[in-house]
Amino acid sequence: MSNFPFGFKHTEHTCSDGSENKNHPVDFECTYSGLGWLLFSIGMSAKPTRVDFICTNCKKIIYTSTDSKILNKYVGR
């Protein structure tokens, strides 16, 4: 399980099947620029350009961030 923005590890939303889910864990997926992928390929860390937060129950993206403060928390993940 990963950290949701601002330290939350769970979120509340309605899943795609219509059920309201409270306190389901949230996972994240980082998107990197071409330079970011190059840095990873040579073993260095890179700052993502976007982070998507995904419900582990329904796999729906429930939050996307391009905020620099949040992106800094996901360098090298």
Foldseek 3Di string as FASTA:
>chain_A
DDADPPRDQADWDQAPVRRTDGGAGKDKDFAADPVQVVCVVVPHWDQGQKMFIAGPPRRDGPDMDRDPVRSVVVIRD
